[in-house]
């Protein structure tokens, strides 16, 4: 696969163009290498340069693509269900039963399935056409977060679970949700200040370039939310799998550089070690109580007049 064109990026957190190079990050689903930059103004981390939005589809047409919206191993799905119930508790306590909750980046639908089972009014939002949405009992809206955001979201609460790291302009997405009148945002992103990010270096699973474009710390996530009219009201960090998925990333990087391409047959260990496999589920279960590798934050719309209109 020939490299895609890349474009220089301003800091997606604060907009500054003053940044410093941190390290090179190889794509474990291809042979390209991307630069990781740190913003001098706000300390935000992001890919720079990165493929433009119109070139991103090809990076999901890999072994990893189906795992985005297909069910995982039953143990993985059960453990994730436990995490979802715990994570969403602060959001659900603040919303009336009839309030619509939009799952922006619904993936395989596990979050909206949970909400639907709880009797909550919910809306699933994803990039693929409605015909591919398998949960027909749950309303669906096709939305491209890297495209024009002109349709207002009819929801009081919005869930962005492992979404903001995938978009080119997370601040623009938050501004769109504010314009839509979304009062509460529940956000989950990998924690780039996790000690595991330093331990594994370029092999840390949650770099995942170029599918992951922006890498949040507690401070940078709070900053981008505040700049777009939301204040932090609750947090519940937790661990997610690091060891199996980072091993998977390291193996894939070596394999992709041995004259293999994205169209080659998947190796046997791809099934064993992929992020929704049984070993990944077990690893996540072991480490979830011990490490804060995922940032879980609830934000509320600010009443500051500067954000009105």
Protein backbone atom coordinates (compact mmCIF):
# COMPACT_ATOMS: atom_id res chain seq x y z
CA UNK A 1 0.00 0.00 0.00
CA UNK A 2 1.54 3.28 -1.08
CA UNK A 3 1.76 6.00 1.57
CA UNK A 4 -1.10 8.49 1.71
CA UNK A 5 -0.46 12.22 1.48
CA UNK A 6 -0.03 13.84 4.87
CA UNK A 7 -0.75 17.36 6.11
CA UNK A 8 0.73 19.43 8.90
CA UNK A 9 -1.61 19.88 11.85
CA UNK A 10 -2.13 22.62 14.39
CA UNK A 11 -2.58 21.44 17.97
CA UNK A 12 -6.10 19.91 18.11
CA UNK A 13 -6.40 20.96 21.76
CA UNK A 14 -5.53 24.68 21.69
CA UNK A 15 -4.86 25.50 18.02
CA UNK A 16 -1.20 26.46 18.49
CA UNK A 17 1.23 25.73 15.64
CA UNK A 18 4.26 25.64 17.94
CA UNK A 19 5.16 22.04 18.64
CA UNK A 20 8.14 19.76 19.17
CA UNK A 21 8.81 16.28 17.80
CA UNK A 22 8.60 13.49 20.39
CA UNK A 23 9.19 10.21 18.51
CA UNK A 24 8.31 8.15 15.44
CA UNK A 25 5.28 5.85 15.61
CA UNK A 26 5.00 2.98 13.09
CA UNK A 27 1.57 1.84 11.92
CA UNK A 28 1.13 -1.80 12.99
CA UNK A 29 -1.49 -2.34 10.26
CA UNK A 30 0.76 -0.99 7.47
CA UNK A 31 4.31 0.08 6.76
CA UNK A 32 4.03 3.85 7.21
CA UNK A 33 5.61 5.77 10.07
CA UNK A 34 4.08 8.89 11.65
CA UNK A 35 5.52 11.59 13.87
CA UNK A 36 4.25 12.26 17.38
CA UNK A 37 4.31 15.96 18.33
CA UNK A 38 3.87 17.76 21.64
CA UNK A 39 2.30 21.22 21.74
CA UNK A 40 4.57 23.72 23.46
CA UNK A 41 1.59 25.85 24.53
CA UNK A 42 -0.68 23.23 26.17
CA UNK A 43 1.42 20.03 26.28
CA UNK A 44 -1.09 18.22 24.05
CA UNK A 45 0.08 15.17 22.03
CA UNK A 46 -0.96 14.51 18.45
CA UNK A 47 0.13 12.96 15.15
CA UNK A 48 1.87 15.54 13.00
CA UNK A 49 1.78 15.37 10.05
CA UNK A 50 -1.21 13.06 9.56
CA UNK A 51 -3.32 11.81 6.64
CA UNK A 52 -6.16 14.20 5.74
CA UNK A 53 -9.71 13.21 6.64
CA UNK A 54 -10.55 12.09 3.10
CA UNK A 55 -7.67 9.58 3.15
CA UNK A 56 -8.58 7.89 6.45
CA UNK A 57 -10.97 5.18 5.20
CA UNK A 58 -8.14 3.01 3.89
CA UNK A 59 -6.61 2.74 7.36
CA UNK A 60 -9.73 1.00 8.65
CA UNK A 61 -9.84 -1.48 5.75
CA UNK A 62 -7.39 -3.81 7.51
CA UNK A 63 -7.42 -6.75 9.91
CA UNK A 64 -8.46 -4.26 12.61
CA UNK A 65 -11.43 -2.86 10.72
CA UNK A 66 -14.05 -5.54 11.49
CA UNK A 67 -13.22 -5.45 15.21
CA UNK A 68 -14.53 -1.89 15.35
CA UNK A 69 -18.18 -2.86 14.92
CA UNK A 70 -18.26 -6.66 15.29
CA UNK A 71 -18.85 -8.39 18.64
CA UNK A 72 -15.78 -9.61 20.48
CA UNK A 73 -15.11 -12.76 22.50
CA UNK A 74 -18.04 -13.38 24.92
CA UNK A 75 -15.77 -12.86 27.95
CA UNK A 76 -14.52 -9.58 26.46
CA UNK A 77 -18.10 -8.41 25.85
CA UNK A 78 -19.15 -9.40 29.39
CA UNK A 79 -16.24 -7.54 30.98
CA UNK A 80 -16.89 -4.51 28.83
CA UNK A 81 -20.55 -4.63 29.86
CA UNK A 82 -19.51 -4.47 33.51
CA UNK A 83 -17.30 -1.45 32.74
CA UNK A 84 -20.08 0.28 30.79
CA UNK A 85 -22.57 -0.05 33.66
CA UNK A 86 -20.05 1.40 36.09
CA UNK A 87 -18.86 4.18 33.80
CA UNK A 88 -22.30 5.43 32.77
CA UNK A 89 -23.72 5.63 36.29
CA UNK A 90 -22.84 9.36 36.84
CA UNK A 91 -24.43 10.28 33.48
CA UNK A 92 -27.63 8.28 33.99
CA UNK A 93 -28.12 9.70 37.48
CA UNK A 94 -28.25 13.21 36.03
CA UNK A 95 -30.66 12.54 33.16
CA UNK A 96 -34.40 11.95 33.28
CA UNK A 97 -35.56 8.55 32.03
CA UNK A 98 -37.12 10.15 28.94
CA UNK A 99 -34.00 12.13 27.99
CA UNK A 100 -32.44 11.02 24.70
CA UNK A 101 -28.86 9.76 24.96
CA UNK A 102 -26.77 9.64 21.77
CA UNK A 103 -23.94 7.14 21.50
CA UNK A 104 -21.63 8.94 19.10
CA UNK A 105 -19.36 6.29 17.62
CA UNK A 106 -21.64 3.39 18.52
CA UNK A 107 -19.33 0.71 17.08
CA UNK A 108 -20.76 -2.75 17.69
CA UNK A 109 -23.74 -1.32 19.60
CA UNK A 110 -23.01 -2.67 23.08
CA UNK A 111 -23.49 0.72 24.79
CA UNK A 112 -26.83 1.52 23.14
CA UNK A 113 -27.97 -2.08 23.75
CA UNK A 114 -27.33 -1.53 27.47
CA UNK A 115 -29.22 1.78 27.39
CA UNK A 116 -32.11 0.20 25.48
CA UNK A 117 -32.34 -2.65 28.00
CA UNK A 118 -32.50 -0.05 30.77
CA UNK A 119 -35.52 1.52 29.09
CA UNK A 120 -33.59 4.64 28.08
CA UNK A 121 -34.33 6.61 24.92
CA UNK A 122 -31.18 6.33 22.83
CA UNK A 123 -29.75 7.08 19.41
CA UNK A 124 -26.80 5.33 17.76
CA UNK A 125 -24.44 7.40 15.58
CA UNK A 126 -21.74 5.92 13.34
CA UNK A 127 -20.01 6.45 10.02
CA UNK A 128 -21.35 3.43 8.13
CA UNK A 129 -24.68 3.41 6.22
CA UNK A 130 -27.88 2.63 8.12
CA UNK A 131 -28.32 -0.61 6.16
CA UNK A 132 -25.25 -1.99 7.99
CA UNK A 133 -26.67 -1.20 11.45
CA UNK A 134 -27.72 -4.55 12.92
CA UNK A 135 -29.80 -3.38 15.93
CA UNK A 136 -32.92 -2.36 14.05
CA UNK A 137 -34.91 -1.70 17.25
CA UNK A 138 -32.57 1.22 18.10
CA UNK A 139 -32.70 4.45 16.04
CA UNK A 140 -29.58 5.09 13.97
CA UNK A 141 -28.02 8.20 12.43
CA UNK A 142 -25.06 8.16 10.02
CA UNK A 143 -22.58 10.89 11.00
CA UNK A 144 -19.04 11.58 9.79
CA UNK A 145 -17.26 13.43 12.60
CA UNK A 146 -14.49 14.47 10.20
CA UNK A 147 -16.99 15.91 7.71
CA UNK A 148 -19.46 18.82 7.83
CA UNK A 149 -21.35 18.77 11.14
CA UNK A 150 -24.51 20.61 10.15
CA UNK A 151 -27.19 18.23 11.48
CA UNK A 152 -28.07 19.03 15.08
CA UNK A 153 -28.09 16.06 17.43
CA UNK A 154 -31.49 15.69 19.19
CA UNK A 155 -30.10 14.55 22.53
CA UNK A 156 -29.57 15.83 26.05
CA UNK A 157 -26.67 13.50 26.74
CA UNK A 158 -23.93 12.21 24.45
CA UNK A 159 -21.47 9.35 24.90
CA UNK A 160 -18.09 9.47 23.13
CA UNK A 161 -16.46 6.23 24.19
CA UNK A 162 -13.08 5.84 22.46
CA UNK A 163 -14.09 8.33 19.77
CA UNK A 164 -12.26 11.65 20.25
CA UNK A 165 -8.84 10.10 19.63
CA UNK A 166 -10.05 9.09 16.13
CA UNK A 167 -11.14 12.52 14.84
CA UNK A 168 -8.96 15.22 13.30
CA UNK A 169 -10.57 18.12 15.20
CA UNK A 170 -11.97 17.01 18.57
CA UNK A 171 -12.63 20.65 19.52
CA UNK A 172 -14.92 21.02 16.49
CA UNK A 173 -16.88 17.92 17.54
CA UNK A 174 -17.38 19.29 21.06
CA UNK A 175 -18.46 22.66 19.66
CA UNK A 176 -21.01 20.87 17.46
CA UNK A 177 -22.43 19.02 20.46
CA UNK A 178 -22.68 22.30 22.36
CA UNK A 179 -24.55 23.92 19.44
CA UNK A 180 -26.87 20.91 19.40
CA UNK A 181 -27.80 21.61 23.01
CA UNK A 182 -26.23 18.47 24.44
CA UNK A 183 -26.06 19.15 28.16
CA UNK A 184 -23.90 16.25 29.31
CA UNK A 185 -20.91 14.60 27.61
CA UNK A 186 -19.47 11.31 28.77
CA UNK A 187 -16.00 10.82 27.30
CA UNK A 188 -13.62 7.84 27.45
CA UNK A 189 -10.17 8.05 25.84
CA UNK A 190 -6.82 6.27 26.41
CA UNK A 191 -4.64 8.01 28.96
CA UNK A 192 -1.43 9.15 27.25
CA UNK A 193 0.11 9.92 30.65
CA UNK A 194 -0.27 6.28 31.69
CA UNK A 195 2.97 4.74 32.95
CA UNK A 196 2.43 1.99 30.38
CA UNK A 197 2.80 4.52 27.56
CA UNK A 198 6.33 5.16 28.81
CA UNK A 199 7.00 1.48 29.53
CA UNK A 200 6.09 0.24 26.04
CA UNK A 201 7.34 3.28 24.11
CA UNK A 202 6.41 3.15 20.42
CA UNK A 203 4.78 -0.27 20.98
CA UNK A 204 2.11 1.07 23.37
CA UNK A 205 -1.13 -0.32 21.96
CA UNK A 206 -3.10 2.90 22.22
CA UNK A 207 -0.87 4.96 19.94
CA UNK A 208 -2.42 3.05 17.01
CA UNK A 209 -1.40 5.59 14.31
CA UNK A 210 -2.96 6.93 12.17
CA UNK A 211 -6.37 5.69 13.40
CA UNK A 212 -5.63 7.47 16.67
CA UNK A 213 -4.78 11.09 15.92
CA UNK A 214 -4.91 12.89 19.29
CA UNK A 215 -3.62 11.55 22.61
CA UNK A 216 -5.19 12.93 25.77
CA UNK A 217 -3.96 13.43 29.31
CA UNK A 218 -6.30 14.47 32.15
CA UNK A 219 -5.18 18.07 31.69
CA UNK A 220 -5.54 18.24 27.90
CA UNK A 221 -8.96 16.55 27.92
CA UNK A 222 -10.21 19.02 30.52
CA UNK A 223 -8.75 21.94 28.54
CA UNK A 224 -10.41 21.05 25.22
CA UNK A 225 -13.75 20.56 27.00
CA UNK A 226 -13.53 23.88 28.85
CA UNK A 227 -12.60 25.75 25.68
CA UNK A 228 -15.79 24.46 24.10
CA UNK A 229 -18.22 25.23 26.88
CA UNK A 230 -18.14 22.15 29.13
CA UNK A 231 -16.96 21.76 32.72
CA UNK A 232 -15.82 18.52 34.32
CA UNK A 233 -18.26 17.16 36.92
CA UNK A 234 -17.26 13.50 37.43
CA UNK A 235 -14.37 11.13 36.74
CA UNK A 236 -13.79 7.38 37.11
CA UNK A 237 -10.50 6.33 35.52
CA UNK A 238 -9.82 2.62 35.07
CA UNK A 239 -7.41 0.18 33.47
CA UNK A 240 -7.80 -1.45 30.08
CA UNK A 241 -5.67 -4.15 28.49
CA UNK A 242 -2.08 -3.08 27.85
CA UNK A 243 0.09 -6.17 27.78
CA UNK A 244 -1.65 -8.39 25.24
CA UNK A 245 -2.58 -5.55 22.90
CA UNK A 246 0.88 -3.99 23.08
CA UNK A 247 2.39 -7.41 22.31
CA UNK A 248 -0.04 -7.62 19.40
CA UNK A 249 1.09 -4.20 18.14
CA UNK A 250 4.78 -5.15 18.42
CA UNK A 251 4.22 -8.44 16.56
CA UNK A 252 2.22 -6.70 13.84
CA UNK A 253 4.90 -4.04 13.33
CA UNK A 254 7.54 -6.72 12.75
CA UNK A 255 5.24 -8.82 10.56
CA UNK A 256 4.19 -5.88 8.36
CA UNK A 257 7.85 -5.09 7.71
CA UNK A 258 8.65 -8.60 6.43
CA UNK A 259 7.30 -8.07 2.92
CA UNK A 260 3.70 -8.56 4.03
CA UNK A 261 0.92 -6.15 3.11
CA UNK A 262 -2.56 -5.39 4.38
CA UNK A 263 -4.04 -7.81 1.83
CA UNK A 264 -1.93 -10.75 3.04
CA UNK A 265 -3.55 -13.59 4.95
CA UNK A 266 -3.97 -12.88 8.64
CA UNK A 267 -1.37 -14.70 10.81
CA UNK A 268 -2.63 -17.15 13.43
CA UNK A 269 -1.63 -14.94 16.34
CA UNK A 270 -3.76 -12.10 14.96
CA UNK A 271 -6.82 -14.09 16.06
CA UNK A 272 -5.27 -14.92 19.44
CA UNK A 273 -3.99 -11.47 20.38
CA UNK A 274 -6.34 -8.96 18.74
CA UNK A 275 -7.93 -6.35 21.09
CA UNK A 276 -11.24 -8.24 21.46
CA UNK A 277 -9.70 -11.70 22.01
CA UNK A 278 -9.98 -13.84 25.15
CA UNK A 279 -6.35 -13.17 26.24
CA UNK A 280 -6.98 -9.43 25.91
CA UNK A 281 -10.13 -9.79 28.00
CA UNK A 282 -8.26 -11.69 30.73
CA UNK A 283 -5.44 -9.15 30.70
CA UNK A 284 -7.94 -6.32 30.99
CA UNK A 285 -9.69 -8.04 33.90
CA UNK A 286 -6.38 -8.44 35.74
CA UNK A 287 -5.18 -4.88 35.24
CA UNK A 288 -8.41 -2.88 35.35
CA UNK A 289 -8.35 -2.48 39.16
CA UNK A 290 -4.64 -1.64 39.21
CA UNK A 291 -3.99 0.97 36.54
CA UNK A 292 -5.52 4.18 35.20
CA UNK A 293 -4.97 3.73 31.49
CA UNK A 294 -8.38 5.04 30.37
CA UNK A 295 -9.73 8.50 31.18
CA UNK A 296 -13.47 8.46 31.96
CA UNK A 297 -14.86 11.97 32.32
CA UNK A 298 -18.35 13.45 32.56
CA UNK A 299 -18.74 17.05 31.41
CA UNK A 300 -21.71 19.40 31.84
CA UNK A 301 -22.62 22.31 29.59
CA UNK A 302 -21.31 25.54 31.12
CA UNK A 303 -23.62 28.47 31.75
CA UNK A 304 -20.87 30.92 30.79
CA UNK A 305 -22.34 33.56 28.48
CA UNK A 306 -19.20 33.44 26.35
CA UNK A 307 -20.37 30.10 24.95
CA UNK A 308 -23.95 31.05 24.17
CA UNK A 309 -25.24 31.59 20.67
